């Protein structure tokens, strides 16, 4: 697995480790296929492991603005976070607020 979050300790003392990797990317469909692995550790031993495949589609800001407009939404604002700050080039997640 390429990316790992490291182990995080839960309130009960168990540890959870998340790892992920991209297994496919289709730039024309803007679709990434990722494999996510979650491991539960207890007393230094892995006791449970789950692996799931996720399909993630990427939409760009202007694409979403057009889709929201076509769906009948108006007064659409986009911010770089839940605090309403302006969108910047380093923002990975955008917040859209629209009225219908």
Foldseek 3Di string as FASTA:
>chain_A
DPDKPPWDADPVGKTKIKDKDWPDADVVQQKTKMKIKIFIGDPRDTDDIDIDIDIDHDDDPVRVVVVCVVVPWDPKDKDLDPVRHHDDPPRPDIDIDTHD
